[in-house]
Each structure stands twice: as C-alpha cells, then as structure tokens.
C-alpha atoms as a PDB file:
ATOM      1  CA  UNK A   1     -27.340  20.394 -27.639  1.00  0.00           C
ATOM      2  CA  UNK A   2     -26.542  16.706 -28.102  1.00  0.00           C
ATOM      3  CA  UNK A   3     -27.726  14.300 -25.433  1.00  0.00           C
ATOM      4  CA  UNK A   4     -26.898  10.594 -25.146  1.00  0.00           C
ATOM      5  CA  UNK A   5     -29.903   8.327 -24.881  1.00  0.00           C
ATOM      6  CA  UNK A   6     -29.523   5.987 -21.903  1.00  0.00           C
ATOM      7  CA  UNK A   7     -30.742   2.456 -22.397  1.00  0.00           C
ATOM      8  CA  UNK A   8     -31.282  -0.522 -20.155  1.00  0.00           C
ATOM      9  CA  UNK A   9     -31.707  -0.441 -16.410  1.00  0.00           C
ATOM     10  CA  UNK A  10     -29.872   2.451 -14.830  1.00  0.00           C
ATOM     11  CA  UNK A  11     -28.754   2.251 -11.207  1.00  0.00           C
ATOM     12  CA  UNK A  12     -30.474   4.478  -8.637  1.00  0.00           C
ATOM     13  CA  UNK A  13     -28.882   7.907  -8.529  1.00  0.00           C
ATOM     14  CA  UNK A  14     -27.350   7.629 -12.009  1.00  0.00           C
ATOM     15  CA  UNK A  15     -27.078  11.073 -13.580  1.00  0.00           C
ATOM     16  CA  UNK A  16     -26.733  10.876 -17.388  1.00  0.00           C
ATOM     17  CA  UNK A  17     -25.892  14.582 -17.524  1.00  0.00           C
ATOM     18  CA  UNK A  18     -22.468  13.801 -16.028  1.00  0.00           C
ATOM     19  CA  UNK A  19     -21.699  10.672 -18.066  1.00  0.00           C
ATOM     20  CA  UNK A  20     -18.416  10.888 -19.991  1.00  0.00           C
ATOM     21  CA  UNK A  21     -17.900   7.209 -20.839  1.00  0.00           C
ATOM     22  CA  UNK A  22     -19.011   5.218 -23.873  1.00  0.00           C
ATOM     23  CA  UNK A  23     -19.473   1.440 -23.966  1.00  0.00           C
ATOM     24  CA  UNK A  24     -18.074  -0.256 -27.083  1.00  0.00           C
ATOM     25  CA  UNK A  25     -19.110  -3.855 -27.740  1.00  0.00           C
ATOM     26  CA  UNK A  26     -18.021  -6.666 -30.057  1.00  0.00           C
ATOM     27  CA  UNK A  27     -14.430  -5.476 -30.349  1.00  0.00           C
ATOM     28  CA  UNK A  28     -12.178  -7.564 -32.604  1.00  0.00           C
ATOM     29  CA  UNK A  29      -9.415  -9.446 -30.793  1.00  0.00           C
ATOM     30  CA  UNK A  30      -6.668  -7.531 -32.639  1.00  0.00           C
ATOM     31  CA  UNK A  31      -7.875  -4.108 -31.489  1.00  0.00           C
ATOM     32  CA  UNK A  32      -5.625  -2.549 -28.839  1.00  0.00           C
ATOM     33  CA  UNK A  33      -6.371   0.176 -26.299  1.00  0.00           C
ATOM     34  CA  UNK A  34      -4.192   2.692 -28.214  1.00  0.00           C
ATOM     35  CA  UNK A  35      -6.068   1.921 -31.451  1.00  0.00           C
ATOM     36  CA  UNK A  36      -9.436   2.247 -29.710  1.00  0.00           C
ATOM     37  CA  UNK A  37      -8.345   5.600 -28.298  1.00  0.00           C
ATOM     38  CA  UNK A  38      -7.097   6.786 -31.693  1.00  0.00           C
ATOM     39  CA  UNK A  39     -10.369   5.901 -33.428  1.00  0.00           C
ATOM     40  CA  UNK A  40     -12.614   7.498 -30.811  1.00  0.00           C
ATOM     41  CA  UNK A  41     -10.456  10.627 -30.479  1.00  0.00           C
ATOM     42  CA  UNK A  42     -12.071  11.821 -33.711  1.00  0.00           C
ATOM     43  CA  UNK A  43     -15.075  12.991 -31.655  1.00  0.00           C
ATOM     44  CA  UNK A  44     -13.086  14.702 -28.887  1.00  0.00           C
ATOM     45  CA  UNK A  45     -10.182  14.390 -26.465  1.00  0.00           C
ATOM     46  CA  UNK A  46     -10.064  10.958 -24.823  1.00  0.00           C
ATOM     47  CA  UNK A  47      -9.022  10.681 -21.186  1.00  0.00           C
ATOM     48  CA  UNK A  48      -8.385   6.947 -21.554  1.00  0.00           C
ATOM     49  CA  UNK A  49      -9.918   3.638 -22.480  1.00  0.00           C
ATOM     50  CA  UNK A  50     -10.182   0.134 -21.092  1.00  0.00           C
ATOM     51  CA  UNK A  51     -10.553  -3.132 -23.003  1.00  0.00           C
ATOM     52  CA  UNK A  52     -12.067  -6.186 -21.359  1.00  0.00           C
ATOM     53  CA  UNK A  53     -11.065  -9.353 -23.174  1.00  0.00           C
ATOM     54  CA  UNK A  54     -13.428 -12.312 -23.215  1.00  0.00           C
ATOM     55  CA  UNK A  55     -13.060 -15.662 -24.944  1.00  0.00           C
ATOM     56  CA  UNK A  56     -15.733 -15.097 -27.597  1.00  0.00           C
ATOM     57  CA  UNK A  57     -15.946 -11.310 -27.794  1.00  0.00           C
ATOM     58  CA  UNK A  58     -14.357  -8.309 -26.160  1.00  0.00           C
ATOM     59  CA  UNK A  59     -15.781  -4.979 -25.080  1.00  0.00           C
ATOM     60  CA  UNK A  60     -14.474  -1.752 -23.687  1.00  0.00           C
ATOM     61  CA  UNK A  61     -15.113   1.722 -22.399  1.00  0.00           C
ATOM     62  CA  UNK A  62     -13.856   4.998 -23.809  1.00  0.00           C
ATOM     63  CA  UNK A  63     -13.591   7.775 -21.212  1.00  0.00           C
ATOM     64  CA  UNK A  64     -13.762  11.357 -22.484  1.00  0.00           C
ATOM     65  CA  UNK A  65     -12.778  14.590 -20.764  1.00  0.00           C
ATOM     66  CA  UNK A  66     -16.231  16.051 -21.451  1.00  0.00           C
ATOM     67  CA  UNK A  67     -19.706  14.632 -21.951  1.00  0.00           C
ATOM     68  CA  UNK A  68     -20.271  16.427 -25.268  1.00  0.00           C
ATOM     69  CA  UNK A  69     -17.501  14.349 -26.848  1.00  0.00           C
ATOM     70  CA  UNK A  70     -19.038  11.181 -25.389  1.00  0.00           C
ATOM     71  CA  UNK A  71     -22.429  12.103 -26.848  1.00  0.00           C
ATOM     72  CA  UNK A  72     -20.856  12.772 -30.255  1.00  0.00           C
ATOM     73  CA  UNK A  73     -19.141   9.377 -30.148  1.00  0.00           C
ATOM     74  CA  UNK A  74     -22.467   7.659 -29.520  1.00  0.00           C
ATOM     75  CA  UNK A  75     -24.059   9.468 -32.460  1.00  0.00           C
ATOM     76  CA  UNK A  76     -20.998   8.781 -34.667  1.00  0.00           C
ATOM     77  CA  UNK A  77     -21.371   5.035 -34.058  1.00  0.00           C
ATOM     78  CA  UNK A  78     -24.858   5.135 -35.579  1.00  0.00           C
ATOM     79  CA  UNK A  79     -23.810   6.884 -38.802  1.00  0.00           C
END
C-alpha cells in the first residue's frame, strides 16, 4: 500500500487517509490547467485541477478521484 507522507503543519482534524489532492509548485507560466491535468493523469484519473498564478511563480492543485492515484503522483514526482 502506498501512503503519501504529509509535511508541514497540518490543521487540526486533517485526515491524510482521505486526501486526494496533490500540491504542485513552481509551475512555468506557459503551463495550462488542461496540460497539468494531462501530465498528472498518467498516475490515475484526475477529477480536476486548479492553477494559481502569481507574479514570480505559479502553483496548483491536482484533484484525483481516489487517494491511491494521488499517492502515486507524489511518488512519481520524486523519480
């Protein structure tokens, strides 16, 4: 069984066993939400994604239908 490793300060009541979202940082300005979804769909079906654009760097969240796919995406990023 693959488990994501939470980092940082988690809010009270946070249950990592139900987490289906992955944070993606330092996203290039030319990356679009459809491209982000296409890339991360390689680890499982993506429910959707959200990009947050900032002046110097952008970040986003990829939301999966199941937590196993989210955990695989986290591991895939470290390969």
